[in-house]
C-alpha atoms as a PDB file:
ATOM      1  CA  UNK A   1      -3.052  24.231  29.938  1.00  0.00           C
ATOM      2  CA  UNK A   2      -4.431  22.781  26.963  1.00  0.00           C
ATOM      3  CA  UNK A   3      -2.428  19.855  25.105  1.00  0.00           C
ATOM      4  CA  UNK A   4      -2.273  19.484  21.577  1.00  0.00           C
ATOM      5  CA  UNK A   5      -0.983  16.288  20.127  1.00  0.00           C
ATOM      6  CA  UNK A   6      -0.187  15.814  16.627  1.00  0.00           C
ATOM      7  CA  UNK A   7       0.152  12.482  15.108  1.00  0.00           C
ATOM      8  CA  UNK A   8       1.636  11.839  11.685  1.00  0.00           C
ATOM      9  CA  UNK A   9       0.975   8.575   9.672  1.00  0.00           C
ATOM     10  CA  UNK A  10       2.285   7.599   6.218  1.00  0.00           C
ATOM     11  CA  UNK A  11       0.229   4.702   4.441  1.00  0.00           C
ATOM     12  CA  UNK A  12       0.085   3.226   0.894  1.00  0.00           C
ATOM     13  CA  UNK A  13      -2.864   4.575  -0.994  1.00  0.00           C
ATOM     14  CA  UNK A  14      -4.541   1.119  -1.215  1.00  0.00           C
ATOM     15  CA  UNK A  15      -5.062   1.210   2.448  1.00  0.00           C
ATOM     16  CA  UNK A  16      -6.113   4.798   2.987  1.00  0.00           C
ATOM     17  CA  UNK A  17      -9.784   4.263   3.538  1.00  0.00           C
ATOM     18  CA  UNK A  18      -9.024   1.288   5.863  1.00  0.00           C
ATOM     19  CA  UNK A  19      -6.852   3.462   7.984  1.00  0.00           C
ATOM     20  CA  UNK A  20      -9.137   6.550   7.910  1.00  0.00           C
ATOM     21  CA  UNK A  21     -11.852   4.178   9.480  1.00  0.00           C
ATOM     22  CA  UNK A  22      -9.744   2.903  11.852  1.00  0.00           C
ATOM     23  CA  UNK A  23      -8.768   6.373  12.751  1.00  0.00           C
ATOM     24  CA  UNK A  24     -12.458   7.295  12.959  1.00  0.00           C
ATOM     25  CA  UNK A  25     -13.066   4.664  15.539  1.00  0.00           C
ATOM     26  CA  UNK A  26     -10.170   5.547  17.554  1.00  0.00           C
ATOM     27  CA  UNK A  27     -11.527   9.446  17.768  1.00  0.00           C
ATOM     28  CA  UNK A  28     -14.680   8.154  18.673  1.00  0.00           C
ATOM     29  CA  UNK A  29     -13.384   6.142  21.571  1.00  0.00           C
ATOM     30  CA  UNK A  30     -11.303   9.095  22.463  1.00  0.00           C
ATOM     31  CA  UNK A  31     -14.191  11.287  22.491  1.00  0.00           C
ATOM     32  CA  UNK A  32     -15.647   9.504  25.872  1.00  0.00           C
ATOM     33  CA  UNK A  33     -12.395   9.694  27.681  1.00  0.00           C
ATOM     34  CA  UNK A  34     -11.783  12.080  30.553  1.00  0.00           C
ATOM     35  CA  UNK A  35      -9.757  15.115  29.470  1.00  0.00           C
ATOM     36  CA  UNK A  36     -10.735  15.027  25.630  1.00  0.00           C
ATOM     37  CA  UNK A  37     -11.360  18.238  24.021  1.00  0.00           C
ATOM     38  CA  UNK A  38     -11.594  17.718  20.054  1.00  0.00           C
ATOM     39  CA  UNK A  39      -9.758  16.370  17.575  1.00  0.00           C
ATOM     40  CA  UNK A  40      -9.489  16.054  13.400  1.00  0.00           C
ATOM     41  CA  UNK A  41      -7.886  14.166  10.545  1.00  0.00           C
ATOM     42  CA  UNK A  42      -6.155  15.700   7.795  1.00  0.00           C
ATOM     43  CA  UNK A  43      -4.974  14.490   4.546  1.00  0.00           C
ATOM     44  CA  UNK A  44      -2.007  15.912   2.586  1.00  0.00           C
ATOM     45  CA  UNK A  45      -3.111  16.972  -0.975  1.00  0.00           C
ATOM     46  CA  UNK A  46       0.548  16.987  -1.996  1.00  0.00           C
ATOM     47  CA  UNK A  47       1.584  13.435  -0.323  1.00  0.00           C
ATOM     48  CA  UNK A  48      -0.725  10.936  -0.988  1.00  0.00           C
ATOM     49  CA  UNK A  49      -1.323   8.410   1.875  1.00  0.00           C
ATOM     50  CA  UNK A  50       0.375  11.509   4.579  1.00  0.00           C
ATOM     51  CA  UNK A  51      -2.579  11.668   7.392  1.00  0.00           C
ATOM     52  CA  UNK A  52      -2.440  14.154  10.171  1.00  0.00           C
ATOM     53  CA  UNK A  53      -4.496  13.939  13.316  1.00  0.00           C
ATOM     54  CA  UNK A  54      -4.598  16.767  15.618  1.00  0.00           C
ATOM     55  CA  UNK A  55      -6.268  16.100  18.867  1.00  0.00           C
ATOM     56  CA  UNK A  56      -6.909  18.492  22.149  1.00  0.00           C
ATOM     57  CA  UNK A  57      -6.688  17.519  25.523  1.00  0.00           C
ATOM     58  CA  UNK A  58      -7.225  19.131  28.964  1.00  0.00           C
ATOM     59  CA  UNK A  59      -4.108  17.922  30.473  1.00  0.00           C
ATOM     60  CA  UNK A  60      -0.779  16.178  29.767  1.00  0.00           C
ATOM     61  CA  UNK A  61      -1.954  13.382  32.194  1.00  0.00           C
ATOM     62  CA  UNK A  62      -5.080  12.666  30.405  1.00  0.00           C
ATOM     63  CA  UNK A  63      -3.429  12.769  27.081  1.00  0.00           C
ATOM     64  CA  UNK A  64      -0.825  10.063  28.649  1.00  0.00           C
ATOM     65  CA  UNK A  65      -3.862   8.016  30.209  1.00  0.00           C
ATOM     66  CA  UNK A  66      -5.325   7.764  26.789  1.00  0.00           C
ATOM     67  CA  UNK A  67      -2.149   7.316  24.960  1.00  0.00           C
ATOM     68  CA  UNK A  68      -1.045   4.237  27.311  1.00  0.00           C
ATOM     69  CA  UNK A  69      -4.639   2.631  27.342  1.00  0.00           C
ATOM     70  CA  UNK A  70      -5.522  -0.782  26.248  1.00  0.00           C
ATOM     71  CA  UNK A  71      -8.349   0.278  24.297  1.00  0.00           C
ATOM     72  CA  UNK A  72      -6.138   2.756  22.209  1.00  0.00           C
ATOM     73  CA  UNK A  73      -3.185   0.513  21.974  1.00  0.00           C
ATOM     74  CA  UNK A  74      -6.100  -2.502  20.772  1.00  0.00           C
ATOM     75  CA  UNK A  75      -6.871  -0.290  18.022  1.00  0.00           C
ATOM     76  CA  UNK A  76      -3.042   0.770  17.228  1.00  0.00           C
ATOM     77  CA  UNK A  77      -2.391  -2.623  16.653  1.00  0.00           C
ATOM     78  CA  UNK A  78      -4.523  -2.937  13.685  1.00  0.00           C
ATOM     79  CA  UNK A  79      -3.361   0.340  12.438  1.00  0.00           C
ATOM     80  CA  UNK A  80       0.379  -0.057  12.744  1.00  0.00           C
ATOM     81  CA  UNK A  81       0.812  -2.801  10.260  1.00  0.00           C
ATOM     82  CA  UNK A  82      -0.792  -0.774   7.483  1.00  0.00           C
ATOM     83  CA  UNK A  83       1.642   2.019   8.123  1.00  0.00           C
ATOM     84  CA  UNK A  84       4.920   2.709   5.563  1.00  0.00           C
ATOM     85  CA  UNK A  85       6.760   3.682   8.614  1.00  0.00           C
ATOM     86  CA  UNK A  86       6.251   4.263  12.539  1.00  0.00           C
ATOM     87  CA  UNK A  87       3.871   7.129  13.524  1.00  0.00           C
ATOM     88  CA  UNK A  88       5.641  10.267  14.475  1.00  0.00           C
ATOM     89  CA  UNK A  89       3.943  12.004  17.689  1.00  0.00           C
ATOM     90  CA  UNK A  90       4.562  15.201  18.796  1.00  0.00           C
ATOM     91  CA  UNK A  91       3.021  16.862  22.242  1.00  0.00           C
ATOM     92  CA  UNK A  92       2.799  20.598  22.895  1.00  0.00           C
ATOM     93  CA  UNK A  93       1.291  22.705  25.507  1.00  0.00           C
ATOM     94  CA  UNK A  94      -0.711  25.438  24.951  1.00  0.00           C
ATOM     95  CA  UNK A  95       0.904  28.661  26.569  1.00  0.00           C
ATOM     96  CA  UNK A  96      -1.024  29.783  29.668  1.00  0.00           C
ATOM     97  CA  UNK A  97      -3.024  33.370  29.403  1.00  0.00           C
ATOM     98  CA  UNK A  98      -0.870  36.023  30.365  1.00  0.00           C
ATOM     99  CA  UNK A  99      -1.533  37.822  33.668  1.00  0.00           C
ATOM    100  CA  UNK A 100      -2.874  41.434  33.336  1.00  0.00           C
ATOM    101  CA  UNK A 101      -0.567  43.910  34.995  1.00  0.00           C
ATOM    102  CA  UNK A 102      -1.877  45.821  37.633  1.00  0.00           C
ATOM    103  CA  UNK A 103      -2.743  49.533  37.108  1.00  0.00           C
END
């Protein structure tokens, strides 16, 4: 069952580029973690400074391992002071494929 993680961050326009570079660093490090499937970083055209990261993981355990890793926490320690408010994280589980009915 895949795990989809949404992380929304709001930053001032003057630090957007710095945050983007740190998010790219975070993604490049996550890519080598067990269970990492993919991620993307989106920017809102209507709300300047709003970023949304969507990442996909093979399992909840593998996401949690990365979420609490020292490597991730070190990069977040550089990102968090640049945020207007704490990041908002939501975790979703993909529905398993339905089992076909027997004929």
